[in-house]
Each structure stands twice: as structure tokens, then as C-alpha cells.
Amino acid sequence: MTRNTTLMAMGALAAATVLNMMATGAAMAQQVRNCGPRELVVNRLADRYGETRQSMGLGANNAVLEVFASDESGTWTVTVTSPEGMTCLIASGQAFEELVEALPAKGNDA
């Protein structure tokens, strides 16, 4: 499992909570401090932290989960974007590292 996949898995539970909030309407999501129009959020991640999109996936209700990170600073951010274009920050941190790990051999639970 890659580091990006692991980050996406960690953010899944938090994303479900935000998706539930988004289901109540865009007005509710706008009241949450860490949400905004996708273009604005992506631009701020790039300008302030040098983060670019590293991976993405499609979640429940057609929401898009994305991992942004900076190779220079090591910062990372997980976002979820509703089909209406409202993006919310789910998690963020430091020490981002891209990993590529092989799957264990079939029949090996480790």
C-alpha cells in the first residue's frame, strides 16, 4: 500500500463526516471554517504551502477525495470536494513521504 493510499484511508472516516455535513446543503458547508470553493482552496494550498495534488479517489455521493503535498516542505493536506464544488480540509500534517510498497504474497496475512 502506498503512503498516499494510507493517507486516503486515514481520511476516509473524517471524509464521511464532512460528506454527511455536505449532504445537508452547500450553505451548511460554507459555515464550516475549513471549507470553500475548490479553486480557492487549491490555490491557497499551492501558494502558502507549495502543495500539489499527489493522489485522488472517488468517494460516496460522487465526492472527490484528494491528497495534496509538498516535496520541499513535507507538508500534506487531505481534502474532500462535493459535486457542487465545495472543498473541505479533512486532515493535514508534516513529514509527507511517497512510498511504493509491494503487496504481500497471496496467503500471507502479514
PDB file of N, CA and C in Angstrom:
ATOM      1  N   MET A   1       0.852  -1.169   0.000  1.00  0.00           N
ATOM      2  CA  MET A   1       0.000   0.000   0.000  1.00  0.00           C
ATOM      3  C   MET A   1       0.900   1.234   0.000  1.00  0.00           C
ATOM      4  N   THR A   2       0.610   2.205  -0.862  1.00  0.00           N
ATOM      5  CA  THR A   2       1.436   3.394  -0.905  1.00  0.00           C
ATOM      6  C   THR A   2       1.067   4.328   0.231  1.00  0.00           C
ATOM      7  N   ARG A   3       1.955   5.252   0.514  1.00  0.00           N
ATOM      8  CA  ARG A   3       1.709   6.253   1.559  1.00  0.00           C
ATOM      9  C   ARG A   3       0.460   7.050   1.210  1.00  0.00           C
ATOM     10  N   ASN A   4       0.289   7.394  -0.066  1.00  0.00           N
ATOM     11  CA  ASN A   4      -0.899   8.139  -0.491  1.00  0.00           C
ATOM     12  C   ASN A   4      -2.157   7.347  -0.195  1.00  0.00           C
ATOM     13  N   THR A   5      -2.125   6.055  -0.450  1.00  0.00           N
ATOM     14  CA  THR A   5      -3.280   5.216  -0.181  1.00  0.00           C
ATOM     15  C   THR A   5      -3.555   5.177   1.314  1.00  0.00           C
ATOM     16  N   THR A   6      -2.512   5.099   2.099  1.00  0.00           N
ATOM     17  CA  THR A   6      -2.672   5.096   3.551  1.00  0.00           C
ATOM     18  C   THR A   6      -3.291   6.403   4.025  1.00  0.00           C
ATOM     19  N   LEU A   7      -2.815   7.518   3.495  1.00  0.00           N
ATOM     20  CA  LEU A   7      -3.383   8.811   3.876  1.00  0.00           C
ATOM     21  C   LEU A   7      -4.848   8.895   3.486  1.00  0.00           C
ATOM     22  N   MET A   8      -5.168   8.375   2.319  1.00  0.00           N
ATOM     23  CA  MET A   8      -6.562   8.398   1.885  1.00  0.00           C
ATOM     24  C   MET A   8      -7.424   7.553   2.812  1.00  0.00           C
ATOM     25  N   ALA A   9      -6.907   6.425   3.244  1.00  0.00           N
ATOM     26  CA  ALA A   9      -7.656   5.567   4.158  1.00  0.00           C
ATOM     27  C   ALA A   9      -7.862   6.261   5.500  1.00  0.00           C
ATOM     28  N   MET A  10      -6.830   6.955   5.989  1.00  0.00           N
ATOM     29  CA  MET A  10      -6.944   7.657   7.271  1.00  0.00           C
ATOM     30  C   MET A  10      -7.999   8.752   7.187  1.00  0.00           C
ATOM     31  N   GLY A  11      -8.080   9.401   6.045  1.00  0.00           N
ATOM     32  CA  GLY A  11      -9.030  10.495   5.891  1.00  0.00           C
ATOM     33  C   GLY A  11     -10.445  10.035   5.593  1.00  0.00           C
ATOM     34  N   ALA A  12     -10.636   8.749   5.320  1.00  0.00           N
ATOM     35  CA  ALA A  12     -11.947   8.258   4.915  1.00  0.00           C
ATOM     36  C   ALA A  12     -13.010   8.477   5.987  1.00  0.00           C
ATOM     37  N   LEU A  13     -12.689   8.185   7.230  1.00  0.00           N
ATOM     38  CA  LEU A  13     -13.669   8.372   8.299  1.00  0.00           C
ATOM     39  C   LEU A  13     -14.010   9.842   8.467  1.00  0.00           C
ATOM     40  N   ALA A  14     -12.995  10.685   8.473  1.00  0.00           N
ATOM     41  CA  ALA A  14     -13.251  12.121   8.580  1.00  0.00           C
ATOM     42  C   ALA A  14     -14.017  12.608   7.362  1.00  0.00           C
ATOM     43  N   ALA A  15     -13.708  12.071   6.194  1.00  0.00           N
ATOM     44  CA  ALA A  15     -14.406  12.474   4.972  1.00  0.00           C
ATOM     45  C   ALA A  15     -15.876  12.116   5.053  1.00  0.00           C
ATOM     46  N   ALA A  16     -16.184  10.965   5.626  1.00  0.00           N
ATOM     47  CA  ALA A  16     -17.582  10.565   5.766  1.00  0.00           C
ATOM     48  C   ALA A  16     -18.354  11.572   6.599  1.00  0.00           C
ATOM     49  N   THR A  17     -17.732  12.093   7.651  1.00  0.00           N
ATOM     50  CA  THR A  17     -18.377  13.099   8.486  1.00  0.00           C
ATOM     51  C   THR A  17     -18.649  14.366   7.701  1.00  0.00           C
ATOM     52  N   VAL A  18     -17.652  14.813   6.946  1.00  0.00           N
ATOM     53  CA  VAL A  18     -17.821  16.033   6.158  1.00  0.00           C
ATOM     54  C   VAL A  18     -18.850  15.820   5.061  1.00  0.00           C
ATOM     55  N   LEU A  19     -18.830  14.649   4.433  1.00  0.00           N
ATOM     56  CA  LEU A  19     -19.808  14.356   3.386  1.00  0.00           C
ATOM     57  C   LEU A  19     -21.217  14.397   3.951  1.00  0.00           C
ATOM     58  N   ASN A  20     -21.381  13.915   5.164  1.00  0.00           N
ATOM     59  CA  ASN A  20     -22.678  13.972   5.810  1.00  0.00           C
ATOM     60  C   ASN A  20     -23.110  15.421   6.007  1.00  0.00           C
ATOM     61  N   MET A  21     -22.178  16.277   6.410  1.00  0.00           N
ATOM     62  CA  MET A  21     -22.492  17.696   6.564  1.00  0.00           C
ATOM     63  C   MET A  21     -22.858  18.306   5.218  1.00  0.00           C
ATOM     64  N   MET A  22     -22.107  17.933   4.175  1.00  0.00           N
ATOM     65  CA  MET A  22     -22.365  18.498   2.857  1.00  0.00           C
ATOM     66  C   MET A  22     -23.729  18.078   2.333  1.00  0.00           C
ATOM     67  N   ALA A  23     -24.180  16.905   2.741  1.00  0.00           N
ATOM     68  CA  ALA A  23     -25.475  16.424   2.289  1.00  0.00           C
ATOM     69  C   ALA A  23     -26.604  17.328   2.764  1.00  0.00           C
ATOM     70  N   THR A  24     -26.387  18.069   3.838  1.00  0.00           N
ATOM     71  CA  THR A  24     -27.413  18.973   4.338  1.00  0.00           C
ATOM     72  C   THR A  24     -27.488  20.259   3.535  1.00  0.00           C
ATOM     73  N   GLY A  25     -26.561  20.443   2.604  1.00  0.00           N
ATOM     74  CA  GLY A  25     -26.625  21.595   1.712  1.00  0.00           C
ATOM     75  C   GLY A  25     -25.345  22.397   1.705  1.00  0.00           C
ATOM     76  N   ALA A  26     -25.128  23.100   0.611  1.00  0.00           N
ATOM     77  CA  ALA A  26     -23.917  23.907   0.450  1.00  0.00           C
ATOM     78  C   ALA A  26     -23.856  25.030   1.470  1.00  0.00           C
ATOM     79  N   ALA A  27     -24.987  25.584   1.865  1.00  0.00           N
ATOM     80  CA  ALA A  27     -24.991  26.677   2.839  1.00  0.00           C
ATOM     81  C   ALA A  27     -24.393  26.224   4.159  1.00  0.00           C
ATOM     82  N   MET A  28     -24.715  25.010   4.573  1.00  0.00           N
ATOM     83  CA  MET A  28     -24.153  24.467   5.814  1.00  0.00           C
ATOM     84  C   MET A  28     -22.647  24.310   5.685  1.00  0.00           C
ATOM     85  N   ALA A  29     -22.185  23.797   4.563  1.00  0.00           N
ATOM     86  CA  ALA A  29     -20.755  23.587   4.355  1.00  0.00           C
ATOM     87  C   ALA A  29     -20.000  24.899   4.355  1.00  0.00           C
ATOM     88  N   GLN A  30     -20.600  25.974   3.851  1.00  0.00           N
ATOM     89  CA  GLN A  30     -19.934  27.266   3.822  1.00  0.00           C
ATOM     90  C   GLN A  30     -19.736  27.819   5.219  1.00  0.00           C
ATOM     91  N   GLN A  31     -20.562  27.404   6.170  1.00  0.00           N
ATOM     92  CA  GLN A  31     -20.428  27.887   7.537  1.00  0.00           C
ATOM     93  C   GLN A  31     -19.255  27.221   8.249  1.00  0.00           C
ATOM     94  N   VAL A  32     -18.808  26.083   7.759  1.00  0.00           N
ATOM     95  CA  VAL A  32     -17.661  25.398   8.344  1.00  0.00           C
ATOM     96  C   VAL A  32     -16.411  26.153   7.919  1.00  0.00           C
ATOM     97  N   ARG A  33     -15.567  26.504   8.872  1.00  0.00           N
ATOM     98  CA  ARG A  33     -14.387  27.327   8.600  1.00  0.00           C
ATOM     99  C   ARG A  33     -13.457  26.767   7.542  1.00  0.00           C
ATOM    100  N   ASN A  34     -13.267  25.478   7.514  1.00  0.00           N
ATOM    101  CA  ASN A  34     -12.270  24.871   6.647  1.00  0.00           C
ATOM    102  C   ASN A  34     -12.822  24.436   5.301  1.00  0.00           C
ATOM    103  N   CYS A  35     -13.851  25.089   4.812  1.00  0.00           N
ATOM    104  CA  CYS A  35     -14.438  24.773   3.521  1.00  0.00           C
ATOM    105  C   CYS A  35     -14.470  26.024   2.656  1.00  0.00           C
ATOM    106  N   GLY A  36     -14.424  25.819   1.352  1.00  0.00           N
ATOM    107  CA  GLY A  36     -14.516  26.923   0.418  1.00  0.00           C
ATOM    108  C   GLY A  36     -14.586  26.403  -0.999  1.00  0.00           C
ATOM    109  N   PRO A  37     -14.745  27.289  -1.968  1.00  0.00           N
ATOM    110  CA  PRO A  37     -14.748  26.871  -3.366  1.00  0.00           C
ATOM    111  C   PRO A  37     -13.427  26.170  -3.701  1.00  0.00           C
ATOM    112  N   ARG A  38     -13.492  25.080  -4.462  1.00  0.00           N
ATOM    113  CA  ARG A  38     -12.316  24.263  -4.740  1.00  0.00           C
ATOM    114  C   ARG A  38     -11.152  25.081  -5.285  1.00  0.00           C
ATOM    115  N   GLU A  39     -11.411  25.926  -6.262  1.00  0.00           N
ATOM    116  CA  GLU A  39     -10.334  26.718  -6.867  1.00  0.00           C
ATOM    117  C   GLU A  39      -9.587  27.539  -5.822  1.00  0.00           C
ATOM    118  N   LEU A  40     -10.325  28.154  -4.899  1.00  0.00           N
ATOM    119  CA  LEU A  40      -9.709  28.959  -3.844  1.00  0.00           C
ATOM    120  C   LEU A  40      -8.853  28.084  -2.923  1.00  0.00           C
ATOM    121  N   VAL A  41      -9.377  26.936  -2.512  1.00  0.00           N
ATOM    122  CA  VAL A  41      -8.651  26.046  -1.607  1.00  0.00           C
ATOM    123  C   VAL A  41      -7.370  25.533  -2.267  1.00  0.00           C
ATOM    124  N   VAL A  42      -7.469  25.071  -3.509  1.00  0.00           N
ATOM    125  CA  VAL A  42      -6.305  24.534  -4.218  1.00  0.00           C
ATOM    126  C   VAL A  42      -5.243  25.618  -4.405  1.00  0.00           C
ATOM    127  N   ASN A  43      -5.676  26.832  -4.758  1.00  0.00           N
ATOM    128  CA  ASN A  43      -4.723  27.933  -4.929  1.00  0.00           C
ATOM    129  C   ASN A  43      -4.019  28.275  -3.625  1.00  0.00           C
ATOM    130  N   ARG A  44      -4.743  28.265  -2.525  1.00  0.00           N
ATOM    131  CA  ARG A  44      -4.120  28.572  -1.227  1.00  0.00           C
ATOM    132  C   ARG A  44      -3.130  27.490  -0.804  1.00  0.00           C
ATOM    133  N   LEU A  45      -3.476  26.230  -1.061  1.00  0.00           N
ATOM    134  CA  LEU A  45      -2.535  25.149  -0.728  1.00  0.00           C
ATOM    135  C   LEU A  45      -1.249  25.300  -1.534  1.00  0.00           C
ATOM    136  N   ALA A  46      -1.380  25.699  -2.784  1.00  0.00           N
ATOM    137  CA  ALA A  46      -0.197  25.888  -3.631  1.00  0.00           C
ATOM    138  C   ALA A  46       0.601  27.113  -3.204  1.00  0.00           C
ATOM    139  N   ASP A  47      -0.080  28.238  -3.001  1.00  0.00           N
ATOM    140  CA  ASP A  47       0.603  29.496  -2.676  1.00  0.00           C
ATOM    141  C   ASP A  47       1.239  29.482  -1.291  1.00  0.00           C
ATOM    142  N   ARG A  48       0.513  29.017  -0.294  1.00  0.00           N
ATOM    143  CA  ARG A  48       1.001  29.073   1.090  1.00  0.00           C
ATOM    144  C   ARG A  48       1.931  27.924   1.461  1.00  0.00           C
ATOM    145  N   TYR A  49       1.688  26.741   0.896  1.00  0.00           N
ATOM    146  CA  TYR A  49       2.431  25.570   1.338  1.00  0.00           C
ATOM    147  C   TYR A  49       3.202  24.868   0.220  1.00  0.00           C
ATOM    148  N   GLY A  50       3.037  25.312  -1.014  1.00  0.00           N
ATOM    149  CA  GLY A  50       3.709  24.673  -2.141  1.00  0.00           C
ATOM    150  C   GLY A  50       3.191  23.277  -2.418  1.00  0.00           C
ATOM    151  N   GLU A  51       1.951  23.002  -1.996  1.00  0.00           N
ATOM    152  CA  GLU A  51       1.385  21.669  -2.153  1.00  0.00           C
ATOM    153  C   GLU A  51       0.689  21.511  -3.506  1.00  0.00           C
ATOM    154  N   THR A  52       0.880  20.350  -4.100  1.00  0.00           N
ATOM    155  CA  THR A  52       0.209  19.987  -5.338  1.00  0.00           C
ATOM    156  C   THR A  52      -0.487  18.648  -5.131  1.00  0.00           C
ATOM    157  N   ARG A  53      -1.446  18.356  -6.000  1.00  0.00           N
ATOM    158  CA  ARG A  53      -2.197  17.110  -5.861  1.00  0.00           C
ATOM    159  C   ARG A  53      -1.289  15.921  -6.137  1.00  0.00           C
ATOM    160  N   GLN A  54      -1.296  14.971  -5.208  1.00  0.00           N
ATOM    161  CA  GLN A  54      -0.481  13.770  -5.307  1.00  0.00           C
ATOM    162  C   GLN A  54      -1.316  12.545  -5.658  1.00  0.00           C
ATOM    163  N   SER A  55      -2.566  12.517  -5.198  1.00  0.00           N
ATOM    164  CA  SER A  55      -3.446  11.390  -5.493  1.00  0.00           C
ATOM    165  C   SER A  55      -4.889  11.823  -5.294  1.00  0.00           C
ATOM    166  N   MET A  56      -5.794  11.010  -5.821  1.00  0.00           N
ATOM    167  CA  MET A  56      -7.219  11.316  -5.691  1.00  0.00           C
ATOM    168  C   MET A  56      -8.034  10.038  -5.818  1.00  0.00           C
ATOM    169  N   GLY A  57      -9.271  10.111  -5.347  1.00  0.00           N
ATOM    170  CA  GLY A  57     -10.184   8.978  -5.459  1.00  0.00           C
ATOM    171  C   GLY A  57     -11.617   9.464  -5.373  1.00  0.00           C
ATOM    172  N   LEU A  58     -12.527   8.652  -5.865  1.00  0.00           N
ATOM    173  CA  LEU A  58     -13.946   8.988  -5.847  1.00  0.00           C
ATOM    174  C   LEU A  58     -14.589   8.319  -4.647  1.00  0.00           C
ATOM    175  N   GLY A  59     -15.279   9.104  -3.849  1.00  0.00           N
ATOM    176  CA  GLY A  59     -15.925   8.601  -2.647  1.00  0.00           C
ATOM    177  C   GLY A  59     -17.427   8.536  -2.791  1.00  0.00           C
ATOM    178  N   ALA A  60     -18.094   8.352  -1.665  1.00  0.00           N
ATOM    179  CA  ALA A  60     -19.544   8.272  -1.626  1.00  0.00           C
ATOM    180  C   ALA A  60     -20.176   9.546  -2.172  1.00  0.00           C
ATOM    181  N   ASN A  61     -21.317   9.395  -2.791  1.00  0.00           N
ATOM    182  CA  ASN A  61     -22.080  10.531  -3.325  1.00  0.00           C
ATOM    183  C   ASN A  61     -21.280  11.365  -4.320  1.00  0.00           C
ATOM    184  N   ASN A  62     -20.348  10.731  -5.033  1.00  0.00           N
ATOM    185  CA  ASN A  62     -19.519  11.395  -6.048  1.00  0.00           C
ATOM    186  C   ASN A  62     -18.620  12.481  -5.485  1.00  0.00           C
ATOM    187  N   ALA A  63     -18.284  12.399  -4.221  1.00  0.00           N
ATOM    188  CA  ALA A  63     -17.329  13.339  -3.637  1.00  0.00           C
ATOM    189  C   ALA A  63     -15.924  12.904  -4.043  1.00  0.00           C
ATOM    190  N   VAL A  64     -15.042  13.870  -4.228  1.00  0.00           N
ATOM    191  CA  VAL A  64     -13.667  13.585  -4.635  1.00  0.00           C
ATOM    192  C   VAL A  64     -12.741  13.803  -3.449  1.00  0.00           C
ATOM    193  N   LEU A  65     -11.994  12.762  -3.087  1.00  0.00           N
ATOM    194  CA  LEU A  65     -11.008  12.833  -2.014  1.00  0.00           C
ATOM    195  C   LEU A  65      -9.648  13.031  -2.667  1.00  0.00           C
ATOM    196  N   GLU A  66      -8.882  14.031  -2.205  1.00  0.00           N
ATOM    197  CA  GLU A  66      -7.581  14.329  -2.795  1.00  0.00           C
ATOM    198  C   GLU A  66      -6.534  14.490  -1.707  1.00  0.00           C
ATOM    199  N   VAL A  67      -5.314  14.104  -2.031  1.00  0.00           N
ATOM    200  CA  VAL A  67      -4.168  14.312  -1.155  1.00  0.00           C
ATOM    201  C   VAL A  67      -3.242  15.292  -1.859  1.00  0.00           C
ATOM    202  N   PHE A  68      -2.944  16.409  -1.190  1.00  0.00           N
ATOM    203  CA  PHE A  68      -2.002  17.413  -1.684  1.00  0.00           C
ATOM    204  C   PHE A  68      -0.771  17.341  -0.798  1.00  0.00           C
ATOM    205  N   ALA A  69       0.409  17.566  -1.372  1.00  0.00           N
ATOM    206  CA  ALA A  69       1.628  17.529  -0.576  1.00  0.00           C
ATOM    207  C   ALA A  69       2.719  18.339  -1.261  1.00  0.00           C
ATOM    208  N   SER A  70       3.717  18.705  -0.456  1.00  0.00           N
ATOM    209  CA  SER A  70       4.888  19.416  -0.954  1.00  0.00           C
ATOM    210  C   SER A  70       6.115  18.556  -0.726  1.00  0.00           C
ATOM    211  N   ASP A  71       6.845  18.264  -1.801  1.00  0.00           N
ATOM    212  CA  ASP A  71       8.089  17.508  -1.668  1.00  0.00           C
ATOM    213  C   ASP A  71       9.147  18.324  -0.928  1.00  0.00           C
ATOM    214  N   GLU A  72       9.097  19.651  -1.075  1.00  0.00           N
ATOM    215  CA  GLU A  72      10.096  20.519  -0.441  1.00  0.00           C
ATOM    216  C   GLU A  72       9.909  20.614   1.064  1.00  0.00           C
ATOM    217  N   SER A  73       8.682  20.983   1.488  1.00  0.00           N
ATOM    218  CA  SER A  73       8.448  21.205   2.917  1.00  0.00           C
ATOM    219  C   SER A  73       7.988  19.957   3.651  1.00  0.00           C
ATOM    220  N   GLY A  74       7.428  18.974   2.921  1.00  0.00           N
ATOM    221  CA  GLY A  74       6.923  17.762   3.554  1.00  0.00           C
ATOM    222  C   GLY A  74       5.522  17.902   4.114  1.00  0.00           C
ATOM    223  N   THR A  75       4.889  19.069   3.917  1.00  0.00           N
ATOM    224  CA  THR A  75       3.523  19.225   4.410  1.00  0.00           C
ATOM    225  C   THR A  75       2.557  18.477   3.502  1.00  0.00           C
ATOM    226  N   TRP A  76       1.404  18.073   4.065  1.00  0.00           N
ATOM    227  CA  TRP A  76       0.373  17.388   3.291  1.00  0.00           C
ATOM    228  C   TRP A  76      -1.000  17.794   3.792  1.00  0.00           C
ATOM    229  N   THR A  77      -1.984  17.696   2.902  1.00  0.00           N
ATOM    230  CA  THR A  77      -3.369  18.038   3.228  1.00  0.00           C
ATOM    231  C   THR A  77      -4.290  17.064   2.509  1.00  0.00           C
ATOM    232  N   VAL A  78      -5.311  16.586   3.216  1.00  0.00           N
ATOM    233  CA  VAL A  78      -6.350  15.748   2.621  1.00  0.00           C
ATOM    234  C   VAL A  78      -7.605  16.590   2.519  1.00  0.00           C
ATOM    235  N   THR A  79      -8.218  16.612   1.316  1.00  0.00           N
ATOM    236  CA  THR A  79      -9.442  17.378   1.100  1.00  0.00           C
ATOM    237  C   THR A  79     -10.527  16.466   0.547  1.00  0.00           C
ATOM    238  N   VAL A  80     -11.768  16.909   0.699  1.00  0.00           N
ATOM    239  CA  VAL A  80     -12.896  16.257   0.041  1.00  0.00           C
ATOM    240  C   VAL A  80     -13.713  17.356  -0.626  1.00  0.00           C
ATOM    241  N   THR A  81     -14.113  17.115  -1.875  1.00  0.00           N
ATOM    242  CA  THR A  81     -14.867  18.097  -2.645  1.00  0.00           C
ATOM    243  C   THR A  81     -16.214  17.508  -3.032  1.00  0.00           C
ATOM    244  N   SER A  82     -17.273  18.251  -2.752  1.00  0.00           N
ATOM    245  CA  SER A  82     -18.619  17.816  -3.106  1.00  0.00           C
ATOM    246  C   SER A  82     -18.839  18.006  -4.603  1.00  0.00           C
ATOM    247  N   PRO A  83     -19.846  17.354  -5.165  1.00  0.00           N
ATOM    248  CA  PRO A  83     -20.157  17.553  -6.586  1.00  0.00           C
ATOM    249  C   PRO A  83     -20.479  19.013  -6.923  1.00  0.00           C
ATOM    250  N   GLU A  84     -20.877  19.789  -5.939  1.00  0.00           N
ATOM    251  CA  GLU A  84     -21.184  21.205  -6.154  1.00  0.00           C
ATOM    252  C   GLU A  84     -19.935  22.078  -6.166  1.00  0.00           C
ATOM    253  N   GLY A  85     -18.769  21.512  -5.857  1.00  0.00           N
ATOM    254  CA  GLY A  85     -17.518  22.261  -5.907  1.00  0.00           C
ATOM    255  C   GLY A  85     -17.044  22.825  -4.582  1.00  0.00           C
ATOM    256  N   MET A  86     -17.707  22.476  -3.482  1.00  0.00           N
ATOM    257  CA  MET A  86     -17.282  22.938  -2.167  1.00  0.00           C
ATOM    258  C   MET A  86     -16.216  21.973  -1.644  1.00  0.00           C
ATOM    259  N   THR A  87     -15.039  22.502  -1.302  1.00  0.00           N
ATOM    260  CA  THR A  87     -13.921  21.689  -0.833  1.00  0.00           C
ATOM    261  C   THR A  87     -13.694  21.936   0.650  1.00  0.00           C
ATOM    262  N   CYS A  88     -13.529  20.847   1.401  1.00  0.00           N
ATOM    263  CA  CYS A  88     -13.265  20.942   2.842  1.00  0.00           C
ATOM    264  C   CYS A  88     -11.943  20.257   3.162  1.00  0.00           C
ATOM    265  N   LEU A  89     -11.198  20.872   4.074  1.00  0.00           N
ATOM    266  CA  LEU A  89      -9.952  20.280   4.561  1.00  0.00           C
ATOM    267  C   LEU A  89     -10.318  19.213   5.585  1.00  0.00           C
ATOM    268  N   ILE A  90      -9.757  18.029   5.418  1.00  0.00           N
ATOM    269  CA  ILE A  90     -10.065  16.905   6.301  1.00  0.00           C
ATOM    270  C   ILE A  90      -8.958  16.683   7.313  1.00  0.00           C
ATOM    271  N   ALA A  91      -7.726  16.725   6.840  1.00  0.00           N
ATOM    272  CA  ALA A  91      -6.576  16.495   7.713  1.00  0.00           C
ATOM    273  C   ALA A  91      -5.357  17.133   7.071  1.00  0.00           C
ATOM    274  N   SER A  92      -4.367  17.437   7.899  1.00  0.00           N
ATOM    275  CA  SER A  92      -3.115  17.983   7.375  1.00  0.00           C
ATOM    276  C   SER A  92      -1.998  17.622   8.340  1.00  0.00           C
ATOM    277  N   GLY A  93      -0.775  17.712   7.848  1.00  0.00           N
ATOM    278  CA  GLY A  93       0.346  17.375   8.709  1.00  0.00           C
ATOM    279  C   GLY A  93       1.672  17.606   8.023  1.00  0.00           C
ATOM    280  N   GLN A  94       2.681  16.966   8.574  1.00  0.00           N
ATOM    281  CA  GLN A  94       4.050  17.136   8.092  1.00  0.00           C
ATOM    282  C   GLN A  94       4.678  15.776   7.811  1.00  0.00           C
ATOM    283  N   ALA A  95       5.861  15.807   7.265  1.00  0.00           N
ATOM    284  CA  ALA A  95       6.678  14.619   7.001  1.00  0.00           C
ATOM    285  C   ALA A  95       6.061  13.720   5.927  1.00  0.00           C
ATOM    286  N   PHE A  96       5.477  14.328   4.892  1.00  0.00           N
ATOM    287  CA  PHE A  96       4.942  13.550   3.777  1.00  0.00           C
ATOM    288  C   PHE A  96       6.074  12.821   3.081  1.00  0.00           C
ATOM    289  N   GLU A  97       5.819  11.576   2.758  1.00  0.00           N
ATOM    290  CA  GLU A  97       6.810  10.767   2.062  1.00  0.00           C
ATOM    291  C   GLU A  97       6.065   9.825   1.128  1.00  0.00           C
ATOM    292  N   GLU A  98       6.416   9.844  -0.138  1.00  0.00           N
ATOM    293  CA  GLU A  98       5.779   8.948  -1.097  1.00  0.00           C
ATOM    294  C   GLU A  98       6.449   7.590  -1.018  1.00  0.00           C
ATOM    295  N   LEU A  99       5.640   6.560  -0.873  1.00  0.00           N
ATOM    296  CA  LEU A  99       6.146   5.202  -0.772  1.00  0.00           C
ATOM    297  C   LEU A  99       5.473   4.330  -1.822  1.00  0.00           C
ATOM    298  N   VAL A 100       6.190   3.354  -2.289  1.00  0.00           N
ATOM    299  CA  VAL A 100       5.619   2.332  -3.162  1.00  0.00           C
ATOM    300  C   VAL A 100       5.983   0.999  -2.540  1.00  0.00           C
ATOM    301  N   GLU A 101       4.978   0.304  -2.050  1.00  0.00           N
ATOM    302  CA  GLU A 101       5.210  -0.968  -1.388  1.00  0.00           C
ATOM    303  C   GLU A 101       4.534  -2.081  -2.169  1.00  0.00           C
ATOM    304  N   ALA A 102       5.191  -3.218  -2.255  1.00  0.00           N
ATOM    305  CA  ALA A 102       4.628  -4.367  -2.941  1.00  0.00           C
ATOM    306  C   ALA A 102       3.565  -5.012  -2.066  1.00  0.00           C
ATOM    307  N   LEU A 103       2.583  -5.609  -2.707  1.00  0.00           N
ATOM    308  CA  LEU A 103       1.565  -6.358  -1.967  1.00  0.00           C
ATOM    309  C   LEU A 103       2.203  -7.616  -1.387  1.00  0.00           C
ATOM    310  N   PRO A 104       1.722  -8.050  -0.207  1.00  0.00           N
ATOM    311  CA  PRO A 104       2.258  -9.305   0.344  1.00  0.00           C
ATOM    312  C   PRO A 104       1.854 -10.466  -0.554  1.00  0.00           C
ATOM    313  N   ALA A 105       2.617 -11.548  -0.474  1.00  0.00           N
ATOM    314  CA  ALA A 105       2.310 -12.748  -1.254  1.00  0.00           C
ATOM    315  C   ALA A 105       0.941 -13.280  -0.858  1.00  0.00           C
ATOM    316  N   LYS A 106       0.209 -13.828  -1.814  1.00  0.00           N
ATOM    317  CA  LYS A 106      -1.112 -14.387  -1.527  1.00  0.00           C
ATOM    318  C   LYS A 106      -0.995 -15.465  -0.473  1.00  0.00           C
ATOM    319  N   GLY A 107      -1.950 -15.440   0.468  1.00  0.00           N
ATOM    320  CA  GLY A 107      -1.929 -16.403   1.544  1.00  0.00           C
ATOM    321  C   GLY A 107      -1.075 -15.991   2.724  1.00  0.00           C
ATOM    322  N   ASN A 108      -0.408 -14.837   2.617  1.00  0.00           N
ATOM    323  CA  ASN A 108       0.432 -14.336   3.702  1.00  0.00           C
ATOM    324  C   ASN A 108      -0.312 -13.174   4.344  1.00  0.00           C
ATOM    325  N   ASP A 109      -0.749 -13.352   5.594  1.00  0.00           N
ATOM    326  CA  ASP A 109      -1.543 -12.341   6.264  1.00  0.00           C
ATOM    327  C   ASP A 109      -0.708 -11.147   6.734  1.00  0.00           C
ATOM    328  N   ALA A 110       0.595 -11.233   6.710  1.00  0.00           N
ATOM    329  CA  ALA A 110       1.453 -10.154   7.210  1.00  0.00           C
ATOM    330  C   ALA A 110       1.547  -9.022   6.229  1.00  0.00           C
TER     331      ALA A 110
END
